[in-house]
Protein backbone atom coordinates (compact mmCIF):
# COMPACT_ATOMS: atom_id res chain seq x y z
CA UNK A 1 0.16 -0.05 0.03
CA UNK A 2 0.85 3.58 -0.39
CA UNK A 3 2.92 5.22 2.74
CA UNK A 4 1.79 8.54 3.19
CA UNK A 5 3.71 9.93 5.92
CA UNK A 6 7.18 9.02 3.94
CA UNK A 7 8.32 12.50 2.24
CA UNK A 8 9.61 12.85 -1.37
CA UNK A 9 12.63 14.55 -2.13
CA UNK A 10 16.66 14.54 -2.56
CA UNK A 11 18.70 13.73 0.46
CA UNK A 12 21.25 15.73 1.36
CA UNK A 13 24.16 13.78 0.05
CA UNK A 14 22.77 13.18 -2.81
CA UNK A 15 22.60 17.27 -3.43
CA UNK A 16 26.23 17.41 -2.67
CA UNK A 17 27.21 14.82 -5.14
CA UNK A 18 25.16 16.92 -7.47
CA UNK A 19 26.79 19.76 -6.52
CA UNK A 20 30.56 18.57 -6.62
CA UNK A 21 29.99 17.28 -10.17
CA UNK A 22 28.65 20.35 -11.40
CA UNK A 23 31.53 22.04 -10.21
CA UNK A 24 34.31 19.47 -11.57
CA UNK A 25 32.51 20.00 -15.23
CA UNK A 26 32.41 23.42 -15.13
CA UNK A 27 36.09 23.65 -14.04
CA UNK A 28 37.07 21.63 -16.98
CA UNK A 29 34.76 23.52 -19.24
CA UNK A 30 36.38 27.17 -17.73
CA UNK A 31 40.04 25.96 -18.87
CA UNK A 32 39.33 24.46 -21.97
CA UNK A 33 37.53 28.11 -23.28
CA UNK A 34 40.14 30.45 -21.77
CA UNK A 35 43.00 31.67 -24.04
CA UNK A 36 46.45 31.44 -22.98
CA UNK A 37 47.75 33.56 -25.67
CA UNK A 38 48.54 36.74 -22.87
CA UNK A 39 50.56 33.82 -20.89
CA UNK A 40 52.20 32.72 -23.88
CA UNK A 41 53.07 36.23 -24.87
CA UNK A 42 54.49 36.92 -21.08
CA UNK A 43 56.57 34.11 -21.56
CA UNK A 44 58.47 34.98 -24.64
CA UNK A 45 58.84 38.51 -22.80
CA UNK A 46 60.62 37.07 -20.08
CA UNK A 47 63.02 34.56 -22.41
CA UNK A 48 64.15 38.09 -23.91
CA UNK A 49 64.85 39.13 -20.76
CA UNK A 50 67.09 36.29 -20.28
CA UNK A 51 68.52 36.75 -23.27
CA UNK A 52 69.52 40.53 -22.67
CA UNK A 53 70.63 39.52 -19.57
CA UNK A 54 72.78 37.03 -20.80
CA UNK A 55 74.10 39.43 -23.57
CA UNK A 56 75.23 41.70 -21.15
CA UNK A 57 77.02 39.09 -18.81
CA UNK A 58 79.27 37.77 -21.81
CA UNK A 59 79.34 42.10 -22.56
CA UNK A 60 81.26 42.17 -18.99
CA UNK A 61 83.09 39.32 -19.36
CA UNK A 62 84.91 40.12 -22.72
CA UNK A 63 86.84 42.37 -24.32
CA UNK A 64 86.60 43.29 -27.96
CA UNK A 65 89.02 41.83 -30.39
CA UNK A 66 88.03 44.17 -33.08
CA UNK A 67 89.55 48.24 -32.76
CA UNK A 68 86.94 50.75 -32.41
CA UNK A 69 84.71 48.35 -31.00
CA UNK A 70 83.46 49.89 -27.41
CA UNK A 71 80.91 47.12 -27.06
CA UNK A 72 81.68 43.91 -27.67
CA UNK A 73 78.45 42.33 -27.34
CA UNK A 74 74.70 43.51 -28.70
CA UNK A 75 71.57 42.13 -29.87
CA UNK A 76 69.92 42.85 -32.98
CA UNK A 77 66.21 41.53 -35.12
CA UNK A 78 66.28 40.57 -38.81
CA UNK A 79 63.14 38.36 -41.04
CA UNK A 80 61.27 38.21 -37.66
CA UNK A 81 63.80 36.81 -35.57
CA UNK A 82 66.52 38.11 -33.05
CA UNK A 83 70.07 37.59 -32.35
CA UNK A 84 73.10 38.31 -30.42
CA UNK A 85 76.29 39.60 -32.42
CA UNK A 86 80.28 40.03 -31.01
CA UNK A 87 82.96 42.75 -32.16
CA UNK A 88 80.57 44.91 -33.15
CA UNK A 89 79.60 43.56 -36.37
CA UNK A 90 75.63 42.13 -36.61
CA UNK A 91 77.04 39.38 -39.08
CA UNK A 92 79.34 37.80 -36.14
CA UNK A 93 75.76 36.19 -34.76
CA UNK A 94 76.38 33.75 -31.98
CA UNK A 95 73.80 31.10 -30.89
CA UNK A 96 71.81 32.25 -27.74
CA UNK A 97 70.49 29.82 -25.12
CA UNK A 98 68.04 27.73 -26.03
CA UNK A 99 68.21 28.91 -29.92
CA UNK A 100 69.12 26.14 -32.34
CA UNK A 101 71.18 27.86 -34.24
CA UNK A 102 72.80 31.62 -34.90
CA UNK A 103 70.06 32.69 -37.03
CA UNK A 104 68.02 33.88 -33.84
CA UNK A 105 64.98 33.23 -31.88
CA UNK A 106 61.56 33.79 -33.54
CA UNK A 107 59.73 36.96 -32.60
CA UNK A 108 56.20 37.27 -32.02
CA UNK A 109 53.91 39.76 -34.42
CA UNK A 110 53.85 43.02 -33.32
CA UNK A 111 57.44 43.34 -32.11
CA UNK A 112 60.05 46.33 -32.23
CA UNK A 113 63.35 44.77 -31.40
CA UNK A 114 66.14 47.80 -32.35
CA UNK A 115 69.86 47.11 -32.76
CA UNK A 116 71.91 47.77 -29.31
CA UNK A 117 74.96 46.49 -27.49
CA UNK A 118 76.75 46.87 -24.09
CA UNK A 119 80.12 47.94 -23.52
CA UNK A 120 82.43 45.93 -20.77
CA UNK A 121 80.42 47.79 -18.02
CA UNK A 122 77.11 46.38 -19.17
CA UNK A 123 75.93 49.79 -20.28
CA UNK A 124 73.34 49.83 -23.32
CA UNK A 125 74.09 52.08 -26.59
CA UNK A 126 71.53 52.41 -28.98
CA UNK A 127 73.90 51.28 -31.72
CA UNK A 128 76.13 48.06 -32.76
CA UNK A 129 79.55 49.84 -31.83
CA UNK A 130 79.50 51.39 -28.18
CA UNK A 131 79.83 54.94 -28.94
CA UNK A 132 78.22 58.20 -28.05
CA UNK A 133 76.35 58.22 -24.70
CA UNK A 134 74.64 55.37 -23.04
CA UNK A 135 70.44 55.15 -23.30
CA UNK A 136 67.58 53.37 -22.48
CA UNK A 137 66.70 50.88 -24.66
CA UNK A 138 62.90 50.41 -25.16
CA UNK A 139 61.48 46.91 -26.75
CA UNK A 140 58.11 45.93 -27.35
CA UNK A 141 57.71 42.15 -28.01
CA UNK A 142 53.96 41.34 -28.90
CA UNK A 143 53.08 44.44 -27.18
CA UNK A 144 54.46 43.24 -23.98
CA UNK A 145 56.78 46.45 -23.30
CA UNK A 146 60.65 45.76 -22.13
CA UNK A 147 63.08 48.49 -20.93
CA UNK A 148 66.91 48.35 -20.27
CA UNK A 149 67.48 51.21 -18.30
CA UNK A 150 70.41 53.56 -19.41
CA UNK A 151 73.69 53.49 -17.78
CA UNK A 152 73.36 50.47 -15.25
CA UNK A 153 71.70 48.06 -18.04
CA UNK A 154 68.96 47.19 -15.74
CA UNK A 155 66.54 44.92 -16.87
CA UNK A 156 63.19 44.78 -14.29
């Protein structure tokens, strides 16, 4: 026979289990639809900063073998790739850490990468031979700004 005293509905455990499942599914769906492009761009900018610091360190630990070359190590870009060069000559390309060859590393679209060099004190110059005065260098990696500070070469 039909029991009229028994109440109909869900138990508290059933409701909690359903809420947990909905939360897990929501987290999976959210992680799939969010873009990682911004994170990838910041990672690329940090990679470029590391290469700039590496070039500066190499400059401070070397002396130029070329007469008239005040900045033995520098960086430049060509054909959508950036690379490191030595002895004030952008043709003397050196392999950067993580690069497959001296041809350089790909730049993301919308990047502005000027030619610059470091003298043996680590000061940045807006040319390939370290002449003139040290200056701040502004670089843009896909819209992510990087500044090399004048006189110190500090890359925040």
